[in-house]
Amino acid sequence: MSLHITDEQVKASILEFLLKKGRWGAHYYPVDTMIRWLGKKVPRNGKRVKACMRDLVNEGYVLIHKRGETVSLNPAKSKETMEFIRRMAKS
């Protein structure tokens, strides 16, 4: 059984993961742990999760800390983040 998960759904999963953990601003989460956890549920292991994480950083939804070892949600984009997650939950 093969489930096709789009990159947008992977991005929503990353944002939702950080949201559930309450990781906003200075409260960050280790990237390796998150990639390992999400990589079990997403095809292509952590490579696809890393690529989607890079996209989220470039779009400004996620902030990087400690030379790229940890990440958190951008509090300045909280409204957009919540809307993105809701939009992906509907589809």
C-alpha atoms as a PDB file:
ATOM      1  CA  MET A   1       0.000   0.000   0.000  1.00  0.00           C
ATOM      2  CA  SER A   2       1.592   3.202  -1.171  1.00  0.00           C
ATOM      3  CA  LEU A   3       0.386   6.546   0.118  1.00  0.00           C
ATOM      4  CA  HIS A   4       1.290   9.545  -1.994  1.00  0.00           C
ATOM      5  CA  ILE A   5       2.054  12.518   0.236  1.00  0.00           C
ATOM      6  CA  THR A   6       2.621  15.888  -1.433  1.00  0.00           C
ATOM      7  CA  ASP A   7       5.341  18.295  -0.364  1.00  0.00           C
ATOM      8  CA  GLU A   8       2.648  20.679   0.873  1.00  0.00           C
ATOM      9  CA  GLN A   9       1.347  17.952   3.194  1.00  0.00           C
ATOM     10  CA  VAL A  10       4.876  17.298   4.465  1.00  0.00           C
ATOM     11  CA  LYS A  11       5.295  21.030   5.170  1.00  0.00           C
ATOM     12  CA  ALA A  12       1.958  21.069   7.010  1.00  0.00           C
ATOM     13  CA  SER A  13       3.110  18.063   9.054  1.00  0.00           C
ATOM     14  CA  ILE A  14       6.310  19.869  10.028  1.00  0.00           C
ATOM     15  CA  LEU A  15       4.412  22.999  11.055  1.00  0.00           C
ATOM     16  CA  GLU A  16       1.797  20.980  12.931  1.00  0.00           C
ATOM     17  CA  PHE A  17       4.513  19.008  14.741  1.00  0.00           C
ATOM     18  CA  LEU A  18       6.168  22.220  15.955  1.00  0.00           C
ATOM     19  CA  LEU A  19       2.790  23.732  16.827  1.00  0.00           C
ATOM     20  CA  LYS A  20       1.779  20.737  18.969  1.00  0.00           C
ATOM     21  CA  LYS A  21       5.108  20.925  20.781  1.00  0.00           C
ATOM     22  CA  GLY A  22       4.600  24.672  21.388  1.00  0.00           C
ATOM     23  CA  ARG A  23       7.837  25.664  19.646  1.00  0.00           C
ATOM     24  CA  TRP A  24       7.479  29.380  18.879  1.00  0.00           C
ATOM     25  CA  GLY A  25      10.369  31.873  18.733  1.00  0.00           C
ATOM     26  CA  ALA A  26      13.084  31.130  21.264  1.00  0.00           C
ATOM     27  CA  HIS A  27      11.546  27.768  22.242  1.00  0.00           C
ATOM     28  CA  TYR A  28      13.188  25.580  19.621  1.00  0.00           C
ATOM     29  CA  TYR A  29      13.304  21.869  18.763  1.00  0.00           C
ATOM     30  CA  PRO A  30      16.238  19.739  17.489  1.00  0.00           C
ATOM     31  CA  VAL A  31      16.128  19.250  13.710  1.00  0.00           C
ATOM     32  CA  ASP A  32      17.604  15.737  13.765  1.00  0.00           C
ATOM     33  CA  THR A  33      14.975  14.445  16.185  1.00  0.00           C
ATOM     34  CA  MET A  34      12.138  15.914  14.155  1.00  0.00           C
ATOM     35  CA  ILE A  35      13.500  14.586  10.844  1.00  0.00           C
ATOM     36  CA  ARG A  36      13.966  11.128  12.347  1.00  0.00           C
ATOM     37  CA  TRP A  37      10.402  11.124  13.711  1.00  0.00           C
ATOM     38  CA  LEU A  38       8.745  12.472  10.533  1.00  0.00           C
ATOM     39  CA  GLY A  39      11.007  10.412   8.256  1.00  0.00           C
ATOM     40  CA  LYS A  40       9.309   7.239   9.484  1.00  0.00           C
ATOM     41  CA  LYS A  41       5.967   8.465   8.132  1.00  0.00           C
ATOM     42  CA  VAL A  42       7.134  10.127   4.893  1.00  0.00           C
ATOM     43  CA  PRO A  43       8.583   8.268   1.889  1.00  0.00           C
ATOM     44  CA  ARG A  44      12.283   8.886   1.066  1.00  0.00           C
ATOM     45  CA  ASN A  45      13.146   9.045   4.761  1.00  0.00           C
ATOM     46  CA  GLY A  46      14.606  12.319   5.937  1.00  0.00           C
ATOM     47  CA  LYS A  47      15.752  13.718   2.587  1.00  0.00           C
ATOM     48  CA  ARG A  48      12.287  14.896   1.645  1.00  0.00           C
ATOM     49  CA  VAL A  49      11.639  16.267   5.142  1.00  0.00           C
ATOM     50  CA  LYS A  50      14.921  18.204   5.003  1.00  0.00           C
ATOM     51  CA  ALA A  51      14.031  19.671   1.602  1.00  0.00           C
ATOM     52  CA  CYS A  52      10.610  20.761   2.837  1.00  0.00           C
ATOM     53  CA  MET A  53      12.191  22.198   5.978  1.00  0.00           C
ATOM     54  CA  ARG A  54      14.535  24.289   3.805  1.00  0.00           C
ATOM     55  CA  ASP A  55      11.516  25.579   1.856  1.00  0.00           C
ATOM     56  CA  LEU A  56       9.737  26.566   5.081  1.00  0.00           C
ATOM     57  CA  VAL A  57      12.831  28.448   6.269  1.00  0.00           C
ATOM     58  CA  ASN A  58      13.069  30.278   2.936  1.00  0.00           C
ATOM     59  CA  GLU A  59       9.352  31.151   3.094  1.00  0.00           C
ATOM     60  CA  GLY A  60       9.790  32.506   6.637  1.00  0.00           C
ATOM     61  CA  TYR A  61       7.470  30.089   8.460  1.00  0.00           C
ATOM     62  CA  VAL A  62      10.320  28.489  10.412  1.00  0.00           C
ATOM     63  CA  LEU A  63      13.323  30.068  12.154  1.00  0.00           C
ATOM     64  CA  ILE A  64      16.665  28.307  12.535  1.00  0.00           C
ATOM     65  CA  HIS A  65      18.752  28.481  15.716  1.00  0.00           C
ATOM     66  CA  LYS A  66      22.158  27.223  16.880  1.00  0.00           C
ATOM     67  CA  ARG A  67      23.792  27.112  13.432  1.00  0.00           C
ATOM     68  CA  GLY A  68      20.933  25.138  11.910  1.00  0.00           C
ATOM     69  CA  GLU A  69      20.729  22.442  14.568  1.00  0.00           C
ATOM     70  CA  THR A  70      17.366  23.569  15.969  1.00  0.00           C
ATOM     71  CA  VAL A  71      14.194  25.154  14.565  1.00  0.00           C
ATOM     72  CA  SER A  72      11.085  26.940  15.799  1.00  0.00           C
ATOM     73  CA  LEU A  73       7.977  28.521  14.346  1.00  0.00           C
ATOM     74  CA  ASN A  74       8.166  32.194  13.391  1.00  0.00           C
ATOM     75  CA  PRO A  75       5.876  34.123  15.794  1.00  0.00           C
ATOM     76  CA  ALA A  76       5.604  36.968  13.257  1.00  0.00           C
ATOM     77  CA  LYS A  77       3.855  34.560  10.858  1.00  0.00           C
ATOM     78  CA  SER A  78       1.578  32.854  13.372  1.00  0.00           C
ATOM     79  CA  LYS A  79      -1.625  33.755  11.516  1.00  0.00           C
ATOM     80  CA  GLU A  80      -0.260  32.515   8.173  1.00  0.00           C
ATOM     81  CA  THR A  81       1.047  29.337   9.815  1.00  0.00           C
ATOM     82  CA  MET A  82      -2.346  28.492  11.314  1.00  0.00           C
ATOM     83  CA  GLU A  83      -4.086  29.202   8.001  1.00  0.00           C
ATOM     84  CA  PHE A  84      -1.615  26.996   6.093  1.00  0.00           C
ATOM     85  CA  ILE A  85      -2.232  24.086   8.467  1.00  0.00           C
ATOM     86  CA  ARG A  86      -6.040  24.522   8.254  1.00  0.00           C
ATOM     87  CA  ARG A  87      -5.924  24.727   4.457  1.00  0.00           C
ATOM     88  CA  MET A  88      -3.924  21.495   4.216  1.00  0.00           C
ATOM     89  CA  ALA A  89      -6.240  19.755   6.715  1.00  0.00           C
ATOM     90  CA  LYS A  90      -9.232  20.511   4.485  1.00  0.00           C
ATOM     91  CA  SER A  91      -7.645  19.002   1.373  1.00  0.00           C
END
